[in-house]
N, C-alpha and C. Protein backbone atom coordinates (compact mmCIF):
# COMPACT_ATOMS: atom_id res chain seq x y z
N MET A 1 -49.42 60.42 -31.76
CA MET A 1 -47.96 60.34 -31.73
C MET A 1 -47.42 60.49 -30.31
N ARG A 2 -47.95 61.47 -29.59
CA ARG A 2 -47.50 61.70 -28.22
C ARG A 2 -47.81 60.50 -27.35
N LYS A 3 -48.96 59.89 -27.59
CA LYS A 3 -49.35 58.71 -26.81
C LYS A 3 -48.39 57.56 -27.07
N GLN A 4 -47.97 57.40 -28.32
CA GLN A 4 -47.04 56.34 -28.67
C GLN A 4 -45.69 56.57 -28.00
N LYS A 5 -45.23 57.84 -27.96
CA LYS A 5 -43.96 58.15 -27.31
C LYS A 5 -44.01 57.82 -25.82
N LEU A 6 -45.16 58.16 -25.20
CA LEU A 6 -45.30 57.87 -23.77
C LEU A 6 -45.27 56.37 -23.52
N MET A 7 -45.91 55.60 -24.42
CA MET A 7 -45.92 54.15 -24.27
C MET A 7 -44.51 53.57 -24.43
N LEU A 8 -43.73 54.12 -25.37
CA LEU A 8 -42.35 53.65 -25.57
C LEU A 8 -41.48 53.96 -24.36
N LEU A 9 -41.67 55.18 -23.80
CA LEU A 9 -40.91 55.54 -22.61
C LEU A 9 -41.23 54.64 -21.43
N ALA A 10 -42.52 54.33 -21.27
CA ALA A 10 -42.94 53.46 -20.18
C ALA A 10 -42.38 52.06 -20.35
N LEU A 11 -42.40 51.56 -21.60
CA LEU A 11 -41.86 50.23 -21.87
C LEU A 11 -40.35 50.18 -21.60
N SER A 12 -39.65 51.25 -22.03
CA SER A 12 -38.21 51.31 -21.80
C SER A 12 -37.87 51.32 -20.31
N ALA A 13 -38.65 52.08 -19.52
CA ALA A 13 -38.42 52.14 -18.07
C ALA A 13 -38.66 50.78 -17.43
N ALA A 14 -39.71 50.07 -17.90
CA ALA A 14 -40.01 48.75 -17.35
C ALA A 14 -38.89 47.77 -17.64
N LEU A 15 -38.34 47.83 -18.86
CA LEU A 15 -37.24 46.94 -19.22
C LEU A 15 -35.99 47.22 -18.38
N CYS A 16 -35.73 48.50 -18.10
CA CYS A 16 -34.58 48.86 -17.27
C CYS A 16 -34.74 48.32 -15.85
N LEU A 17 -35.96 48.46 -15.31
CA LEU A 17 -36.23 47.95 -13.97
C LEU A 17 -36.08 46.44 -13.91
N MET A 18 -36.55 45.74 -14.94
CA MET A 18 -36.46 44.29 -15.00
C MET A 18 -35.00 43.85 -15.06
N SER A 19 -34.19 44.56 -15.89
CA SER A 19 -32.78 44.22 -16.02
C SER A 19 -32.03 44.41 -14.70
N ALA A 20 -32.33 45.50 -14.00
CA ALA A 20 -31.68 45.77 -12.71
C ALA A 20 -32.04 44.70 -11.69
N SER A 21 -33.32 44.27 -11.71
CA SER A 21 -33.76 43.25 -10.78
C SER A 21 -33.06 41.93 -11.03
N LEU A 22 -32.88 41.58 -12.31
CA LEU A 22 -32.20 40.34 -12.66
C LEU A 22 -30.74 40.37 -12.23
N ASN A 23 -30.09 41.53 -12.37
CA ASN A 23 -28.69 41.66 -11.98
C ASN A 23 -28.52 41.47 -10.48
N VAL A 24 -29.43 42.09 -9.70
CA VAL A 24 -29.39 41.96 -8.25
C VAL A 24 -29.60 40.51 -7.84
N GLN A 25 -30.56 39.84 -8.51
CA GLN A 25 -30.85 38.46 -8.19
C GLN A 25 -29.65 37.56 -8.52
N ALA A 26 -29.01 37.82 -9.66
CA ALA A 26 -27.85 37.02 -10.05
C ALA A 26 -26.71 37.19 -9.06
N GLN A 27 -26.51 38.42 -8.60
CA GLN A 27 -25.44 38.67 -7.64
C GLN A 27 -25.71 38.00 -6.31
N SER A 28 -26.97 38.00 -5.89
CA SER A 28 -27.31 37.42 -4.60
C SER A 28 -27.24 35.90 -4.61
N THR A 29 -27.38 35.28 -5.80
CA THR A 29 -27.36 33.82 -5.87
C THR A 29 -26.01 33.28 -6.31
N THR A 30 -25.05 34.16 -6.64
CA THR A 30 -23.73 33.70 -7.03
C THR A 30 -23.01 33.12 -5.83
N PRO A 31 -22.57 31.84 -5.88
CA PRO A 31 -21.93 31.25 -4.71
C PRO A 31 -20.55 31.83 -4.47
N ASN A 32 -20.10 31.76 -3.23
CA ASN A 32 -18.76 32.21 -2.86
C ASN A 32 -17.76 31.14 -3.29
N THR A 33 -16.95 31.46 -4.28
CA THR A 33 -16.05 30.46 -4.84
C THR A 33 -14.69 30.44 -4.14
N THR A 34 -14.50 31.21 -3.09
CA THR A 34 -13.24 31.20 -2.38
C THR A 34 -13.07 29.88 -1.65
N ASP A 35 -11.99 29.17 -1.95
CA ASP A 35 -11.72 27.86 -1.36
C ASP A 35 -10.94 28.06 -0.06
N GLU A 36 -11.56 27.69 1.06
CA GLU A 36 -10.92 27.82 2.36
C GLU A 36 -10.47 26.47 2.90
N THR A 37 -10.40 25.47 2.04
CA THR A 37 -9.98 24.14 2.47
C THR A 37 -8.51 24.13 2.88
N ASN A 38 -8.22 23.51 4.01
CA ASN A 38 -6.85 23.34 4.46
C ASN A 38 -6.49 21.87 4.47
N LEU A 39 -5.20 21.58 4.32
CA LEU A 39 -4.72 20.21 4.37
C LEU A 39 -3.60 20.10 5.41
N ASP A 40 -3.64 19.03 6.18
CA ASP A 40 -2.55 18.71 7.09
C ASP A 40 -1.60 17.76 6.38
N THR A 41 -0.33 18.13 6.30
CA THR A 41 0.67 17.29 5.65
C THR A 41 1.60 16.71 6.71
N GLN A 42 2.06 15.49 6.46
CA GLN A 42 3.02 14.85 7.34
C GLN A 42 4.16 14.29 6.51
N LEU A 43 5.38 14.68 6.85
CA LEU A 43 6.57 14.12 6.23
C LEU A 43 7.31 13.31 7.29
N HIS A 44 7.42 12.00 7.06
CA HIS A 44 8.16 11.12 7.96
C HIS A 44 9.52 10.84 7.33
N ILE A 45 10.57 11.07 8.11
CA ILE A 45 11.93 10.78 7.66
C ILE A 45 12.39 9.53 8.41
N ILE A 46 12.51 8.43 7.69
CA ILE A 46 12.87 7.14 8.27
C ILE A 46 14.31 6.81 7.86
N LEU A 47 15.08 6.29 8.80
CA LEU A 47 16.45 5.88 8.51
C LEU A 47 16.51 4.36 8.46
N GLY A 48 16.89 3.83 7.29
CA GLY A 48 17.09 2.40 7.14
C GLY A 48 18.55 2.05 7.38
N THR A 49 18.81 1.06 8.24
CA THR A 49 20.18 0.72 8.60
C THR A 49 20.31 -0.78 8.84
N ASN A 50 21.52 -1.29 8.65
CA ASN A 50 21.81 -2.69 8.95
C ASN A 50 22.45 -2.84 10.32
N GLN A 51 22.54 -1.75 11.07
CA GLN A 51 23.10 -1.79 12.40
C GLN A 51 21.99 -1.86 13.44
N ASP A 52 22.36 -2.28 14.63
CA ASP A 52 21.38 -2.37 15.71
C ASP A 52 20.99 -0.96 16.16
N VAL A 53 19.71 -0.80 16.47
CA VAL A 53 19.23 0.49 16.95
C VAL A 53 18.59 0.31 18.31
N VAL A 54 18.59 1.37 19.08
CA VAL A 54 18.04 1.30 20.43
C VAL A 54 16.53 1.10 20.41
N ASP A 55 15.85 1.85 19.57
CA ASP A 55 14.39 1.77 19.48
C ASP A 55 13.99 1.85 18.02
N SER A 56 13.55 0.73 17.48
CA SER A 56 13.16 0.69 16.07
C SER A 56 11.65 0.71 15.89
N LYS A 57 10.90 0.96 16.99
CA LYS A 57 9.44 0.97 16.90
C LYS A 57 8.97 2.20 16.13
N LEU A 58 8.06 1.99 15.19
CA LEU A 58 7.52 3.07 14.38
C LEU A 58 6.03 3.23 14.67
N PRO A 59 5.46 4.41 14.37
CA PRO A 59 4.02 4.62 14.59
C PRO A 59 3.18 3.60 13.83
N ALA A 60 2.01 3.26 14.41
CA ALA A 60 1.14 2.26 13.79
C ALA A 60 0.70 2.68 12.39
N SER A 61 0.57 3.98 12.15
CA SER A 61 0.13 4.46 10.84
C SER A 61 1.14 4.14 9.74
N LEU A 62 2.39 3.85 10.14
CA LEU A 62 3.43 3.56 9.15
C LEU A 62 3.66 2.06 8.96
N GLU A 63 2.90 1.23 9.66
CA GLU A 63 3.11 -0.21 9.55
C GLU A 63 2.98 -0.73 8.11
N PRO A 64 1.95 -0.30 7.34
CA PRO A 64 1.88 -0.78 5.94
C PRO A 64 3.10 -0.37 5.12
N VAL A 65 3.63 0.83 5.40
CA VAL A 65 4.80 1.30 4.67
C VAL A 65 6.03 0.46 5.05
N VAL A 66 6.19 0.19 6.34
CA VAL A 66 7.33 -0.60 6.80
C VAL A 66 7.28 -2.00 6.22
N LYS A 67 6.09 -2.58 6.14
CA LYS A 67 5.94 -3.90 5.55
C LYS A 67 6.39 -3.88 4.09
N GLN A 68 6.03 -2.84 3.37
CA GLN A 68 6.45 -2.68 1.98
C GLN A 68 7.97 -2.51 1.89
N LEU A 69 8.53 -1.72 2.81
CA LEU A 69 9.97 -1.49 2.79
C LEU A 69 10.75 -2.77 3.06
N ARG A 70 10.30 -3.55 4.02
CA ARG A 70 11.01 -4.79 4.35
C ARG A 70 11.00 -5.78 3.19
N ALA A 71 9.99 -5.68 2.34
CA ALA A 71 9.89 -6.59 1.19
C ALA A 71 10.77 -6.15 0.02
N THR A 72 11.18 -4.88 0.02
CA THR A 72 11.92 -4.36 -1.14
C THR A 72 13.32 -3.86 -0.83
N LEU A 73 13.59 -3.47 0.43
CA LEU A 73 14.91 -2.93 0.78
C LEU A 73 15.60 -3.84 1.81
N PRO A 74 16.88 -4.11 1.63
CA PRO A 74 17.60 -5.07 2.48
C PRO A 74 18.16 -4.47 3.76
N PHE A 75 17.32 -3.84 4.57
CA PHE A 75 17.78 -3.27 5.83
C PHE A 75 17.27 -4.09 7.01
N LYS A 76 18.12 -4.22 8.03
CA LYS A 76 17.73 -4.97 9.22
C LYS A 76 16.74 -4.17 10.07
N ASN A 77 16.97 -2.88 10.17
CA ASN A 77 16.17 -2.06 11.07
C ASN A 77 15.76 -0.74 10.40
N TYR A 78 14.67 -0.22 10.89
CA TYR A 78 14.18 1.09 10.46
C TYR A 78 13.86 1.90 11.72
N ARG A 79 14.28 3.13 11.72
CA ARG A 79 13.94 4.00 12.86
C ARG A 79 13.45 5.34 12.33
N LEU A 80 12.58 5.96 13.10
CA LEU A 80 12.00 7.24 12.71
C LEU A 80 12.93 8.37 13.15
N ALA A 81 13.49 9.07 12.17
CA ALA A 81 14.41 10.17 12.47
C ALA A 81 13.66 11.46 12.79
N ALA A 82 12.52 11.70 12.12
CA ALA A 82 11.77 12.94 12.34
C ALA A 82 10.39 12.83 11.69
N THR A 83 9.44 13.57 12.25
CA THR A 83 8.11 13.72 11.66
C THR A 83 7.78 15.21 11.63
N LEU A 84 7.48 15.71 10.45
CA LEU A 84 7.16 17.13 10.28
C LEU A 84 5.69 17.26 9.91
N ILE A 85 4.93 17.99 10.73
CA ILE A 85 3.50 18.19 10.52
C ILE A 85 3.26 19.66 10.20
N ASN A 86 2.59 19.92 9.08
CA ASN A 86 2.33 21.29 8.68
C ASN A 86 0.95 21.41 8.05
N ARG A 87 0.35 22.59 8.18
CA ARG A 87 -0.95 22.87 7.57
C ARG A 87 -0.74 23.83 6.40
N VAL A 88 -1.39 23.52 5.28
CA VAL A 88 -1.26 24.34 4.09
C VAL A 88 -2.63 24.48 3.44
N LYS A 89 -2.91 25.65 2.91
CA LYS A 89 -4.17 25.89 2.22
C LYS A 89 -4.21 25.16 0.90
N ASN A 90 -5.39 24.67 0.51
CA ASN A 90 -5.54 24.02 -0.78
C ASN A 90 -5.03 24.93 -1.89
N GLU A 91 -4.18 24.38 -2.75
CA GLU A 91 -3.49 25.10 -3.83
C GLU A 91 -2.44 26.07 -3.29
N GLY A 92 -2.03 25.87 -2.03
CA GLY A 92 -0.98 26.70 -1.45
C GLY A 92 0.38 26.03 -1.57
N ARG A 93 1.39 26.68 -1.01
CA ARG A 93 2.76 26.17 -1.07
C ARG A 93 3.27 25.95 0.35
N LEU A 94 4.39 25.22 0.43
CA LEU A 94 4.97 24.88 1.73
C LEU A 94 6.49 24.88 1.60
N GLU A 95 7.18 25.46 2.57
CA GLU A 95 8.64 25.49 2.54
C GLU A 95 9.18 25.52 3.97
N LEU A 96 10.11 24.61 4.27
CA LEU A 96 10.71 24.50 5.59
C LEU A 96 12.21 24.32 5.44
N SER A 97 12.97 24.90 6.38
CA SER A 97 14.41 24.66 6.49
C SER A 97 14.73 24.50 7.97
N TRP A 98 15.60 23.54 8.30
CA TRP A 98 15.90 23.32 9.71
C TRP A 98 17.26 22.67 9.88
N ILE A 99 17.77 22.80 11.12
CA ILE A 99 19.02 22.15 11.52
C ILE A 99 18.63 21.03 12.48
N GLY A 100 19.07 19.82 12.19
CA GLY A 100 18.67 18.70 13.02
C GLY A 100 19.82 17.76 13.30
N GLY A 101 19.48 16.64 13.96
CA GLY A 101 20.48 15.63 14.25
C GLY A 101 21.01 15.01 12.98
N THR A 102 22.19 14.43 13.09
CA THR A 102 22.82 13.84 11.93
C THR A 102 22.05 12.62 11.43
N PHE A 103 22.14 12.35 10.13
CA PHE A 103 21.56 11.15 9.55
C PHE A 103 22.62 10.06 9.43
N ALA A 104 23.67 10.16 10.23
CA ALA A 104 24.73 9.15 10.19
C ALA A 104 24.21 7.85 10.76
N SER A 105 25.05 6.85 10.80
CA SER A 105 24.64 5.52 11.24
C SER A 105 24.12 5.54 12.66
N ALA A 106 23.40 4.49 13.00
CA ALA A 106 22.76 4.42 14.31
C ALA A 106 23.77 4.39 15.45
N THR A 107 25.06 4.09 15.18
CA THR A 107 26.06 4.06 16.22
C THR A 107 26.52 5.46 16.62
N GLY A 108 26.06 6.49 15.87
CA GLY A 108 26.40 7.86 16.21
C GLY A 108 27.81 8.24 15.82
N ALA A 109 28.20 7.95 14.56
CA ALA A 109 29.55 8.25 14.10
C ALA A 109 29.83 9.74 14.13
N ALA A 110 28.81 10.55 13.96
CA ALA A 110 28.99 12.00 14.03
C ALA A 110 28.37 12.52 15.31
N SER A 111 28.91 13.61 15.83
CA SER A 111 28.44 14.15 17.10
C SER A 111 27.48 15.29 16.87
N ALA A 112 27.04 15.87 18.00
CA ALA A 112 26.13 17.01 17.91
C ALA A 112 26.82 18.22 17.28
N ALA A 113 28.14 18.19 17.22
CA ALA A 113 28.88 19.29 16.60
C ALA A 113 28.79 19.24 15.08
N THR A 114 28.27 18.15 14.54
CA THR A 114 28.14 18.03 13.08
C THR A 114 26.69 17.69 12.73
N PRO A 115 25.78 18.64 12.87
CA PRO A 115 24.37 18.38 12.55
C PRO A 115 24.14 18.33 11.06
N SER A 116 22.94 17.98 10.68
CA SER A 116 22.55 18.02 9.26
C SER A 116 21.72 19.27 9.02
N PHE A 117 21.73 19.75 7.78
CA PHE A 117 20.95 20.92 7.37
C PHE A 117 19.96 20.45 6.30
N SER A 118 18.68 20.60 6.57
CA SER A 118 17.67 20.02 5.70
C SER A 118 16.69 21.07 5.19
N GLN A 119 16.07 20.76 4.05
CA GLN A 119 15.06 21.63 3.46
C GLN A 119 13.97 20.77 2.83
N PHE A 120 12.73 21.16 3.09
CA PHE A 120 11.57 20.47 2.51
C PHE A 120 10.65 21.54 1.95
N LYS A 121 10.24 21.37 0.69
CA LYS A 121 9.31 22.34 0.11
C LYS A 121 8.45 21.68 -0.96
N VAL A 122 7.25 22.25 -1.12
CA VAL A 122 6.32 21.81 -2.15
C VAL A 122 5.80 23.07 -2.83
N ARG A 123 5.93 23.11 -4.15
CA ARG A 123 5.50 24.31 -4.88
C ARG A 123 3.98 24.51 -4.79
N GLN A 124 3.21 23.41 -4.81
CA GLN A 124 1.76 23.52 -4.68
C GLN A 124 1.18 22.21 -4.16
N VAL A 125 0.29 22.33 -3.17
CA VAL A 125 -0.45 21.19 -2.64
C VAL A 125 -1.92 21.42 -2.96
N LYS A 126 -2.55 20.48 -3.65
CA LYS A 126 -3.93 20.72 -4.06
C LYS A 126 -4.73 19.42 -4.14
N LEU A 127 -6.05 19.58 -3.98
CA LEU A 127 -6.98 18.47 -4.15
C LEU A 127 -7.39 18.39 -5.61
N VAL A 128 -7.37 17.17 -6.16
CA VAL A 128 -7.71 16.97 -7.57
C VAL A 128 -8.81 15.93 -7.66
N PRO A 129 -9.96 16.26 -8.28
CA PRO A 129 -11.06 15.28 -8.40
C PRO A 129 -10.68 14.15 -9.35
N THR A 130 -11.18 12.95 -9.05
CA THR A 130 -10.94 11.79 -9.90
C THR A 130 -12.19 11.46 -10.70
N ALA A 131 -12.06 10.55 -11.65
CA ALA A 131 -13.20 10.15 -12.48
C ALA A 131 -14.27 9.45 -11.66
N GLU A 132 -13.88 8.85 -10.52
CA GLU A 132 -14.85 8.15 -9.67
C GLU A 132 -15.58 9.09 -8.72
N GLY A 133 -15.26 10.38 -8.77
CA GLY A 133 -15.93 11.34 -7.90
C GLY A 133 -15.20 11.58 -6.59
N ALA A 134 -14.10 10.87 -6.37
CA ALA A 134 -13.32 11.08 -5.16
C ALA A 134 -12.30 12.20 -5.40
N GLN A 135 -11.43 12.41 -4.42
CA GLN A 135 -10.39 13.42 -4.57
C GLN A 135 -9.05 12.86 -4.14
N ARG A 136 -8.01 13.21 -4.87
CA ARG A 136 -6.66 12.84 -4.52
C ARG A 136 -5.87 14.10 -4.16
N VAL A 137 -4.81 13.90 -3.41
CA VAL A 137 -3.93 15.00 -3.04
C VAL A 137 -2.74 14.98 -3.99
N GLN A 138 -2.47 16.10 -4.60
CA GLN A 138 -1.36 16.23 -5.54
C GLN A 138 -0.34 17.21 -4.98
N MET A 139 0.92 16.79 -4.97
CA MET A 139 2.02 17.66 -4.56
C MET A 139 2.88 17.94 -5.77
N VAL A 140 2.84 19.18 -6.23
CA VAL A 140 3.60 19.59 -7.41
C VAL A 140 4.90 20.25 -6.94
N GLY A 141 6.01 19.80 -7.48
CA GLY A 141 7.30 20.38 -7.09
C GLY A 141 7.73 19.96 -5.70
N PHE A 142 7.52 18.69 -5.35
CA PHE A 142 8.00 18.16 -4.07
C PHE A 142 9.53 18.13 -4.08
N TYR A 143 10.14 18.65 -3.01
CA TYR A 143 11.60 18.63 -2.92
C TYR A 143 12.03 18.41 -1.48
N PHE A 144 12.98 17.50 -1.30
CA PHE A 144 13.64 17.34 -0.01
C PHE A 144 15.13 17.28 -0.26
N GLY A 145 15.88 18.07 0.49
CA GLY A 145 17.33 18.08 0.37
C GLY A 145 17.99 18.19 1.73
N ALA A 146 19.19 17.63 1.83
CA ALA A 146 19.92 17.68 3.10
C ALA A 146 21.41 17.75 2.84
N ARG A 147 22.11 18.49 3.70
CA ARG A 147 23.57 18.51 3.72
C ARG A 147 24.01 17.68 4.91
N ILE A 148 24.71 16.60 4.62
CA ILE A 148 25.00 15.58 5.62
C ILE A 148 26.51 15.50 5.86
N PRO A 149 26.95 15.46 7.15
CA PRO A 149 28.39 15.35 7.43
C PRO A 149 28.87 13.92 7.20
N ILE A 150 29.94 13.78 6.40
CA ILE A 150 30.55 12.49 6.12
C ILE A 150 32.00 12.52 6.63
N GLN A 151 32.34 11.56 7.48
CA GLN A 151 33.70 11.53 8.01
C GLN A 151 34.67 11.12 6.91
N THR A 152 35.72 11.93 6.72
CA THR A 152 36.69 11.68 5.65
C THR A 152 38.05 11.23 6.17
N SER A 153 38.47 11.74 7.33
CA SER A 153 39.79 11.38 7.88
C SER A 153 39.84 11.83 9.33
N GLY A 154 41.00 11.61 9.94
CA GLY A 154 41.20 12.06 11.31
C GLY A 154 42.43 12.93 11.41
N ALA A 155 42.28 14.09 12.04
CA ALA A 155 43.42 15.00 12.22
C ALA A 155 44.06 14.72 13.57
N ILE A 156 45.39 14.67 13.61
CA ILE A 156 46.11 14.38 14.85
C ILE A 156 46.40 15.68 15.58
N ALA A 157 45.92 15.76 16.82
CA ALA A 157 46.13 16.96 17.62
C ALA A 157 47.53 16.95 18.23
N ALA A 158 47.89 18.05 18.90
CA ALA A 158 49.22 18.18 19.51
C ALA A 158 49.45 17.14 20.60
N ASN A 159 48.38 16.74 21.29
CA ASN A 159 48.52 15.75 22.35
C ASN A 159 48.46 14.31 21.84
N GLY A 160 48.43 14.18 20.52
CA GLY A 160 48.41 12.85 19.93
C GLY A 160 47.03 12.28 19.69
N ALA A 161 45.99 12.95 20.17
CA ALA A 161 44.62 12.46 19.97
C ALA A 161 44.21 12.67 18.51
N VAL A 162 43.38 11.77 18.04
CA VAL A 162 42.90 11.86 16.66
C VAL A 162 41.50 12.47 16.65
N ALA A 163 41.35 13.60 16.01
CA ALA A 163 40.06 14.29 15.91
C ALA A 163 39.45 14.01 14.54
N PRO A 164 38.23 13.50 14.48
CA PRO A 164 37.63 13.18 13.17
C PRO A 164 37.38 14.43 12.35
N SER A 165 37.50 14.28 11.04
CA SER A 165 37.27 15.39 10.11
C SER A 165 36.08 15.04 9.23
N PHE A 166 35.19 16.05 8.99
CA PHE A 166 33.96 15.80 8.25
C PHE A 166 33.84 16.76 7.07
N ASN A 167 33.31 16.26 5.99
CA ASN A 167 32.89 17.08 4.86
C ASN A 167 31.38 16.98 4.73
N TYR A 168 30.75 18.10 4.34
CA TYR A 168 29.30 18.09 4.14
C TYR A 168 28.99 17.78 2.68
N GLU A 169 28.14 16.78 2.48
CA GLU A 169 27.74 16.37 1.14
C GLU A 169 26.24 16.60 0.96
N ASN A 170 25.85 16.97 -0.25
CA ASN A 170 24.44 17.23 -0.55
C ASN A 170 23.75 15.96 -1.04
N THR A 171 22.51 15.78 -0.62
CA THR A 171 21.67 14.71 -1.13
C THR A 171 20.23 15.23 -1.19
N GLY A 172 19.43 14.71 -2.11
CA GLY A 172 18.07 15.23 -2.23
C GLY A 172 17.27 14.53 -3.30
N VAL A 173 15.98 14.82 -3.33
CA VAL A 173 15.07 14.26 -4.33
C VAL A 173 14.04 15.32 -4.69
N SER A 174 13.69 15.38 -5.97
CA SER A 174 12.69 16.32 -6.47
C SER A 174 11.75 15.58 -7.41
N THR A 175 10.43 15.73 -7.20
CA THR A 175 9.47 14.99 -8.00
C THR A 175 8.08 15.60 -7.87
N ASP A 176 7.12 15.10 -8.64
CA ASP A 176 5.69 15.41 -8.50
C ASP A 176 4.99 14.12 -8.10
N ILE A 177 4.09 14.19 -7.13
CA ILE A 177 3.42 12.98 -6.67
C ILE A 177 1.92 13.21 -6.52
N SER A 178 1.18 12.11 -6.57
CA SER A 178 -0.27 12.13 -6.35
C SER A 178 -0.60 10.94 -5.46
N MET A 179 -1.52 11.14 -4.50
CA MET A 179 -1.81 10.09 -3.53
C MET A 179 -3.22 10.22 -2.99
N ARG A 180 -3.71 9.14 -2.41
CA ARG A 180 -5.01 9.18 -1.75
C ARG A 180 -4.89 9.87 -0.40
N GLU A 181 -5.96 10.49 0.02
CA GLU A 181 -5.94 11.18 1.31
C GLU A 181 -5.62 10.23 2.44
N SER A 182 -4.78 10.70 3.37
CA SER A 182 -4.43 10.01 4.61
C SER A 182 -3.59 8.76 4.41
N GLU A 183 -3.26 8.41 3.18
CA GLU A 183 -2.48 7.19 2.94
C GLU A 183 -1.00 7.53 2.79
N PRO A 184 -0.14 7.06 3.71
CA PRO A 184 1.29 7.33 3.60
C PRO A 184 1.88 6.63 2.37
N VAL A 185 2.71 7.35 1.64
CA VAL A 185 3.36 6.78 0.46
C VAL A 185 4.86 7.08 0.52
N VAL A 186 5.64 6.16 0.01
CA VAL A 186 7.09 6.33 -0.06
C VAL A 186 7.42 7.21 -1.26
N VAL A 187 8.09 8.32 -1.01
CA VAL A 187 8.46 9.24 -2.08
C VAL A 187 9.79 8.84 -2.70
N GLY A 188 10.76 8.45 -1.87
CA GLY A 188 12.06 8.09 -2.40
C GLY A 188 13.02 7.71 -1.29
N THR A 189 14.18 7.20 -1.67
CA THR A 189 15.25 6.83 -0.74
C THR A 189 16.53 7.53 -1.14
N LEU A 190 17.34 7.88 -0.14
CA LEU A 190 18.60 8.59 -0.38
C LEU A 190 19.71 7.93 0.43
N ASN A 191 20.80 7.58 -0.22
CA ASN A 191 21.95 7.04 0.50
C ASN A 191 22.63 8.15 1.30
N VAL A 192 23.16 7.77 2.46
CA VAL A 192 23.78 8.78 3.33
C VAL A 192 25.20 8.38 3.73
N GLY A 193 26.00 8.02 2.75
CA GLY A 193 27.40 7.79 3.02
C GLY A 193 27.82 6.34 3.02
N PRO A 194 29.09 6.09 3.34
CA PRO A 194 29.66 4.75 3.26
C PRO A 194 29.09 3.77 4.27
N SER A 195 28.36 4.24 5.25
CA SER A 195 27.77 3.34 6.24
C SER A 195 26.73 2.41 5.62
N GLY A 196 26.20 2.79 4.45
CA GLY A 196 25.16 1.98 3.82
C GLY A 196 23.77 2.33 4.27
N ASP A 197 23.64 3.29 5.19
CA ASP A 197 22.32 3.72 5.64
C ASP A 197 21.60 4.48 4.54
N ALA A 198 20.30 4.63 4.69
CA ALA A 198 19.51 5.36 3.69
C ALA A 198 18.41 6.15 4.37
N ILE A 199 18.15 7.34 3.85
CA ILE A 199 17.00 8.13 4.27
C ILE A 199 15.81 7.72 3.41
N ILE A 200 14.69 7.41 4.05
CA ILE A 200 13.47 7.02 3.34
C ILE A 200 12.41 8.07 3.64
N LEU A 201 11.88 8.68 2.61
CA LEU A 201 10.90 9.76 2.76
C LEU A 201 9.49 9.21 2.56
N VAL A 202 8.63 9.44 3.56
CA VAL A 202 7.24 9.00 3.50
C VAL A 202 6.35 10.21 3.75
N VAL A 203 5.37 10.44 2.88
CA VAL A 203 4.54 11.63 3.01
C VAL A 203 3.06 11.24 2.96
N SER A 204 2.23 12.03 3.62
CA SER A 204 0.78 11.84 3.58
C SER A 204 0.12 13.21 3.77
N ALA A 205 -1.16 13.31 3.38
CA ALA A 205 -1.90 14.56 3.54
C ALA A 205 -3.39 14.26 3.60
N LYS A 206 -4.11 15.10 4.34
CA LYS A 206 -5.55 14.94 4.45
C LYS A 206 -6.20 16.29 4.71
N ARG A 207 -7.47 16.39 4.32
CA ARG A 207 -8.22 17.61 4.59
C ARG A 207 -8.46 17.75 6.09
N THR A 208 -8.55 18.98 6.53
CA THR A 208 -8.76 19.23 7.95
C THR A 208 -9.84 20.28 8.10
N PRO A 209 -10.57 20.30 9.23
CA PRO A 209 -11.59 21.33 9.44
C PRO A 209 -10.99 22.73 9.34
N LYS A 210 -11.84 23.68 8.90
CA LYS A 210 -11.38 25.05 8.72
C LYS A 210 -10.94 25.64 10.05
């Protein structure tokens, strides 16, 4: 009986040692699942207008987009109003607010005293695998909004001069989008007052080294 007890104790100790060894091995071979992938995002704000502009040349990377725009929108000229470049972690969020030049017509109907107030944010930017084994960039909760000065009337000063009067109007777009890496896509267009001009939003994103 005593011999049997000793054998059971020895077997139990061996099983405990084996279990501990397996746990250590499993922990050492478990991969690090922390995703450190970053993405560079670019938001291009293009102004479409039927008026003459001083410089309507756009970056070469936007040529396919401009070709598409000319085929679908009746504007004589397109000019780049701004390009915003930001880095965001995969499955991270992005939010920007800024004061910039007016989105008024190319003739400069509004002065530097009446800037625009803009906001750009994305609730989540993430890489999504496709059925073909590739990956697409998905922007969940994409939002762009701007408060734009619109001339409404002219106030007559004491010296008889007419001073323009402006009201700020809100414009914006909110959507979810999916796109191929590095490929610029048109998100939407926004009218910017009686001038007939329009803000055209173009966005792209790509993975970047850590």
